[in-house]
Amino acid sequence: MDSKPKTIIVYLKYKDNESWDGRELLKKGGSLLWAGHDITQLIGLDEPEWDEIVVAEYSEENAYNNALNRIKEADMLKYYKVHLVSHYPQAIIDKMNEMLKALKVKNLESIPVEELSSIERWEAEKKTGTDHLGPTPNQMETLLQRDQNIPVVMLNYLKFRDVAVYPDDFKGKRYKTGREAYQKYGQRDSHNNQVDIFGDYKFTIVGEDEPKWNNFVFVRYPSVKNFIGMIATKSYQASSTQRSAGLENTILLSITPYDEPY
């Protein structure tokens, strides 16, 4: 193990609702970078029903190992998994958020929820075999049933294609690599969203074998309704071809962030 700080994303499932103190276990000897609860999966193969997701960082090897041991021995946990990641410096995150603020901002808060439902589009995508890159109808319906006014953070795991793949009839600009295509997809109208944490996935320390992801990113939206409004806009749907061209695989989890400090 090298001397660089170790950052882990920890997924926690508790035995009951009386003993949620995983954050306290992870805080010892390290620092909490992010934490949230009320987790819903929107894209990807079914994940277990997690109660909390916590991002923690440790500067010392002993503190890192002790944290893993405390989680392993915790009686209140039913099960858990741990990803080892590396996150980009705050200066890079700040620059990304400055770029988002510079984009044209659309107000999505006043759109009636019933006008934002895209169930028909998800049904069509499922029939084309691209549903692993978008919500299934059931996943979309679950999101529509949530409180539409609470803040939400979307945790994305991204696996890029080596070479971008476009439909034969696509008329827009074609990028060579999947990463380039996905970056173009990200250059669309802003919807008051911001990046909380962004970085590289390394590997799964604890848990079943998973795909080899390239990146993870926590993106915060002012409300669930704001996020739904974004994916229903024409600009998003127009850019979604670049997203599909660039991504080989993805997982998307909707999380309610805790109020800071964690």
Protein backbone atom coordinates (compact mmCIF):
# COMPACT_ATOMS: atom_id res chain seq x y z
CA MET A 1 0.00 0.00 0.00
CA ASP A 2 1.45 3.39 -0.98
CA SER A 3 1.59 6.52 1.15
CA LYS A 4 -1.17 8.40 -0.69
CA PRO A 5 -4.49 8.93 1.12
CA LYS A 6 -7.00 6.15 0.56
CA THR A 7 -10.56 7.01 -0.39
CA ILE A 8 -13.37 4.47 -0.12
CA ILE A 9 -17.05 4.48 -1.03
CA VAL A 10 -18.84 2.30 1.53
CA TYR A 11 -22.34 0.89 1.01
CA LEU A 12 -24.14 -0.06 4.22
CA LYS A 13 -27.21 -2.15 4.96
CA TYR A 14 -28.31 -2.23 8.60
CA LYS A 15 -30.09 -4.99 10.48
CA ASP A 16 -32.64 -2.54 11.89
CA ASN A 17 -33.39 1.18 12.07
CA GLU A 18 -32.05 1.63 15.60
CA SER A 19 -28.33 1.31 15.02
CA TRP A 20 -27.27 3.53 12.13
CA ASP A 21 -23.77 4.56 13.22
CA GLY A 22 -21.62 3.43 10.31
CA ARG A 23 -20.61 7.05 9.75
CA GLU A 24 -19.20 7.18 13.27
CA LEU A 25 -17.20 4.01 12.66
CA LEU A 26 -15.75 5.40 9.43
CA LYS A 27 -15.03 8.83 10.88
CA LYS A 28 -12.48 7.47 13.38
CA GLY A 29 -8.98 8.07 12.11
CA GLY A 30 -10.17 9.65 8.89
CA SER A 31 -12.56 12.19 7.43
CA LEU A 32 -15.98 11.88 5.82
CA LEU A 33 -16.17 13.49 2.40
CA TRP A 34 -19.83 12.73 1.67
CA ALA A 35 -22.78 10.76 3.06
CA GLY A 36 -26.37 10.08 2.08
CA HIS A 37 -29.36 7.79 2.58
CA ASP A 38 -32.75 6.94 1.00
CA ILE A 39 -31.17 5.21 -2.00
CA THR A 40 -33.00 4.25 -5.20
CA GLN A 41 -31.41 2.56 -8.20
CA LEU A 42 -32.32 4.16 -11.52
CA ILE A 43 -29.99 2.50 -14.02
CA GLY A 44 -28.15 -0.81 -14.08
CA LEU A 45 -28.51 -4.33 -12.80
CA ASP A 46 -30.29 -4.63 -9.49
CA GLU A 47 -28.21 -3.57 -6.51
CA PRO A 48 -28.98 -4.65 -2.93
CA GLU A 49 -31.23 -2.28 -0.98
CA TRP A 50 -28.61 -0.07 0.69
CA ASP A 51 -29.47 2.19 3.64
CA GLU A 52 -26.47 4.53 3.50
CA ILE A 53 -23.57 5.42 1.25
CA VAL A 54 -20.51 7.05 2.85
CA VAL A 55 -17.32 8.36 1.25
CA ALA A 56 -14.36 8.40 3.66
CA GLU A 57 -10.67 9.21 3.31
CA TYR A 58 -7.66 8.07 5.36
CA SER A 59 -4.16 9.51 5.33
CA GLU A 60 -2.59 6.71 7.37
CA GLU A 61 -2.46 3.02 6.44
CA ASN A 62 -3.31 1.91 9.99
CA ALA A 63 -6.37 4.17 10.11
CA TYR A 64 -7.53 2.79 6.75
CA ASN A 65 -7.12 -0.83 7.84
CA ASN A 66 -8.74 -0.17 11.22
CA ALA A 67 -11.76 1.38 9.53
CA LEU A 68 -12.22 -1.68 7.32
CA ASN A 69 -11.91 -3.96 10.35
CA ARG A 70 -14.47 -1.95 12.34
CA ILE A 71 -16.97 -2.23 9.51
CA LYS A 72 -16.23 -5.95 9.12
CA GLU A 73 -16.83 -6.58 12.82
CA ALA A 74 -19.84 -4.25 13.23
CA ASP A 75 -22.80 -6.11 14.71
CA MET A 76 -25.39 -3.64 13.39
CA LEU A 77 -24.63 -4.35 9.72
CA LYS A 78 -26.51 -6.92 7.68
CA TYR A 79 -24.11 -6.58 4.73
CA TYR A 80 -21.88 -4.01 3.05
CA LYS A 81 -19.49 -3.41 0.18
CA VAL A 82 -16.48 -1.16 -0.33
CA HIS A 83 -15.01 0.47 -3.44
CA LEU A 84 -11.49 1.86 -3.49
CA VAL A 85 -11.40 5.06 -5.54
CA SER A 86 -9.31 8.17 -6.04
CA HIS A 87 -11.05 11.53 -6.15
CA TYR A 88 -9.92 14.62 -8.02
CA PRO A 89 -8.69 17.67 -6.08
CA GLN A 90 -11.25 20.23 -4.96
CA ALA A 91 -9.73 22.80 -7.34
CA ILE A 92 -10.71 20.62 -10.31
CA ILE A 93 -14.23 20.11 -8.91
CA ASP A 94 -14.56 23.88 -8.42
CA LYS A 95 -13.51 24.50 -12.02
CA MET A 96 -16.07 21.95 -13.25
CA ASN A 97 -18.80 23.68 -11.27
CA GLU A 98 -17.75 27.08 -12.61
CA MET A 99 -18.13 25.68 -16.12
CA LEU A 100 -21.59 24.33 -15.26
CA LYS A 101 -22.65 27.73 -13.94
CA ALA A 102 -21.43 29.35 -17.16
CA LEU A 103 -23.80 27.21 -19.24
CA LYS A 104 -27.31 28.35 -20.03
CA VAL A 105 -29.51 27.62 -17.03
CA LYS A 106 -33.05 26.41 -17.54
CA ASN A 107 -35.74 26.71 -14.88
CA LEU A 108 -37.34 23.31 -14.42
CA GLU A 109 -39.06 23.85 -11.09
CA SER A 110 -42.34 25.19 -12.51
CA ILE A 111 -43.01 22.31 -14.91
CA PRO A 112 -45.94 20.11 -13.75
CA VAL A 113 -44.69 16.66 -12.78
CA GLU A 114 -47.19 14.96 -15.07
CA GLU A 115 -45.56 16.70 -18.02
CA LEU A 116 -42.16 15.31 -17.09
CA SER A 117 -43.05 11.63 -17.21
CA SER A 118 -40.96 9.88 -19.85
CA ILE A 119 -42.28 6.37 -19.29
CA GLU A 120 -43.11 5.95 -22.99
CA ARG A 121 -39.55 6.82 -24.00
CA TRP A 122 -38.08 4.34 -21.52
CA GLU A 123 -40.46 1.68 -22.86
CA ALA A 124 -39.22 2.38 -26.38
CA GLU A 125 -35.57 2.21 -25.29
CA LYS A 126 -36.19 -1.10 -23.56
CA LYS A 127 -37.53 -2.55 -26.82
CA THR A 128 -34.39 -1.45 -28.67
CA GLY A 129 -32.13 -3.22 -26.20
CA THR A 130 -30.52 -0.03 -24.84
CA ASP A 131 -32.32 -0.12 -21.50
CA HIS A 132 -29.11 -0.95 -19.59
CA LEU A 133 -28.04 2.67 -20.26
CA GLY A 134 -31.34 4.19 -19.12
CA PRO A 135 -34.00 3.65 -16.44
CA THR A 136 -36.48 0.85 -16.92
CA PRO A 137 -40.15 1.87 -16.72
CA ASN A 138 -40.35 0.52 -13.15
CA GLN A 139 -37.24 2.44 -12.09
CA MET A 140 -38.58 5.63 -13.65
CA GLU A 141 -41.95 5.14 -11.96
CA THR A 142 -40.20 4.75 -8.59
CA LEU A 143 -38.46 8.08 -9.10
CA LEU A 144 -41.73 9.79 -10.08
CA GLN A 145 -43.31 8.55 -6.83
CA ARG A 146 -40.64 10.16 -4.63
CA ASP A 147 -40.97 13.54 -2.96
CA GLN A 148 -40.30 15.82 -5.91
CA ASN A 149 -39.07 18.80 -3.89
CA ILE A 150 -36.16 17.34 -1.92
CA PRO A 151 -32.52 17.71 -3.01
CA VAL A 152 -31.03 14.64 -4.64
CA VAL A 153 -27.55 13.42 -5.53
CA MET A 154 -27.03 11.05 -8.44
CA LEU A 155 -24.10 8.65 -8.08
CA ASN A 156 -22.94 7.61 -11.54
CA TYR A 157 -20.51 4.81 -12.35
CA LEU A 158 -19.19 5.11 -15.90
CA LYS A 159 -17.53 2.61 -18.22
CA PHE A 160 -16.54 4.17 -21.54
CA ARG A 161 -16.36 2.41 -24.87
CA ASP A 162 -12.88 2.23 -26.36
CA VAL A 163 -14.39 3.44 -29.66
CA ALA A 164 -17.62 5.46 -29.77
CA VAL A 165 -20.52 3.65 -31.48
CA TYR A 166 -23.17 5.66 -33.34
CA PRO A 167 -26.40 4.68 -35.12
CA ASP A 168 -26.03 4.51 -38.91
CA ASP A 169 -28.48 7.39 -39.37
CA PHE A 170 -26.81 9.75 -36.86
CA LYS A 171 -26.23 13.17 -38.47
CA GLY A 172 -24.26 14.91 -35.71
CA LYS A 173 -20.54 15.03 -35.07
CA ARG A 174 -18.98 11.64 -34.45
CA TYR A 175 -16.23 11.37 -31.87
CA LYS A 176 -13.54 8.73 -31.95
CA THR A 177 -13.50 7.51 -28.35
CA GLY A 178 -16.30 6.78 -25.94
CA ARG A 179 -14.89 9.23 -23.42
CA GLU A 180 -14.93 12.06 -25.99
CA ALA A 181 -18.54 11.29 -26.94
CA TYR A 182 -19.60 11.26 -23.29
CA GLN A 183 -17.83 14.56 -22.63
CA LYS A 184 -19.79 16.10 -25.51
CA TYR A 185 -22.99 14.79 -23.93
CA GLY A 186 -22.02 16.62 -20.73
CA GLN A 187 -21.72 19.95 -22.53
CA ARG A 188 -25.42 20.77 -22.53
CA ASP A 189 -27.66 23.25 -20.77
CA SER A 190 -27.15 23.51 -17.01
CA HIS A 191 -30.02 22.78 -14.63
CA ASN A 192 -28.54 24.18 -11.42
CA ASN A 193 -26.69 20.91 -10.84
CA GLN A 194 -23.23 20.69 -9.31
CA VAL A 195 -20.53 18.06 -8.88
CA ASP A 196 -19.89 17.02 -5.26
CA ILE A 197 -17.13 14.45 -5.87
CA PHE A 198 -15.57 13.12 -9.07
CA GLY A 199 -12.80 10.60 -9.54
CA ASP A 200 -11.46 7.28 -10.75
CA TYR A 201 -12.72 3.86 -9.72
CA LYS A 202 -9.90 1.47 -8.79
CA PHE A 203 -11.48 -1.81 -7.65
CA THR A 204 -13.95 -3.42 -5.28
CA ILE A 205 -12.37 -4.27 -1.93
CA VAL A 206 -15.39 -5.97 -0.40
CA GLY A 207 -18.33 -7.25 -2.44
CA GLU A 208 -19.10 -9.31 -5.48
CA ASP A 209 -17.11 -8.89 -8.68
CA GLU A 210 -18.21 -5.82 -10.60
CA PRO A 211 -17.46 -4.34 -14.02
CA LYS A 212 -14.22 -2.42 -14.34
CA TRP A 213 -15.55 1.13 -14.15
CA ASN A 214 -13.56 4.14 -15.35
CA ASN A 215 -15.06 6.96 -13.28
CA PHE A 216 -17.57 7.72 -10.57
CA VAL A 217 -19.26 11.08 -10.00
CA PHE A 218 -21.69 12.44 -7.39
CA VAL A 219 -23.89 15.10 -9.06
CA ARG A 220 -26.24 17.19 -6.90
CA TYR A 221 -29.58 18.55 -8.15
CA PRO A 222 -31.77 21.10 -6.31
CA SER A 223 -34.68 18.66 -6.34
CA VAL A 224 -35.91 15.35 -7.73
CA LYS A 225 -38.21 17.35 -9.97
CA ASN A 226 -35.25 19.26 -11.36
CA PHE A 227 -33.51 16.03 -12.34
CA ILE A 228 -36.66 14.61 -13.96
CA GLY A 229 -37.11 17.88 -15.80
CA MET A 230 -33.57 17.65 -17.14
CA ILE A 231 -34.01 14.21 -18.69
CA ALA A 232 -37.32 15.33 -20.24
CA THR A 233 -35.86 18.40 -22.01
CA LYS A 234 -35.24 18.42 -25.75
CA SER A 235 -31.59 19.38 -25.21
CA TYR A 236 -31.03 16.31 -23.04
CA GLN A 237 -32.79 13.97 -25.41
CA ALA A 238 -30.85 15.45 -28.34
CA SER A 239 -27.56 14.84 -26.53
CA SER A 240 -28.46 11.33 -25.35
CA THR A 241 -27.12 9.81 -28.57
CA GLN A 242 -23.63 10.98 -27.56
CA ARG A 243 -24.17 9.40 -24.16
CA SER A 244 -25.15 6.05 -25.68
CA ALA A 245 -22.29 6.27 -28.18
CA GLY A 246 -19.80 6.83 -25.37
CA LEU A 247 -20.97 4.47 -22.64
CA GLU A 248 -20.44 0.74 -22.56
CA ASN A 249 -22.02 0.37 -19.13
CA THR A 250 -23.30 2.50 -16.27
CA ILE A 251 -25.01 2.42 -12.88
CA LEU A 252 -27.03 5.32 -11.49
CA LEU A 253 -28.16 5.58 -7.86
CA SER A 254 -30.44 8.33 -6.55
CA ILE A 255 -29.46 9.37 -3.00
CA THR A 256 -30.78 11.88 -0.47
CA PRO A 257 -27.73 13.74 0.90
CA TYR A 258 -27.38 14.42 4.61
CA ASP A 259 -27.12 18.02 5.71
CA GLU A 260 -23.51 18.95 6.30
CA PRO A 261 -21.48 18.45 8.38
CA TYR A 262 -21.53 14.68 8.10
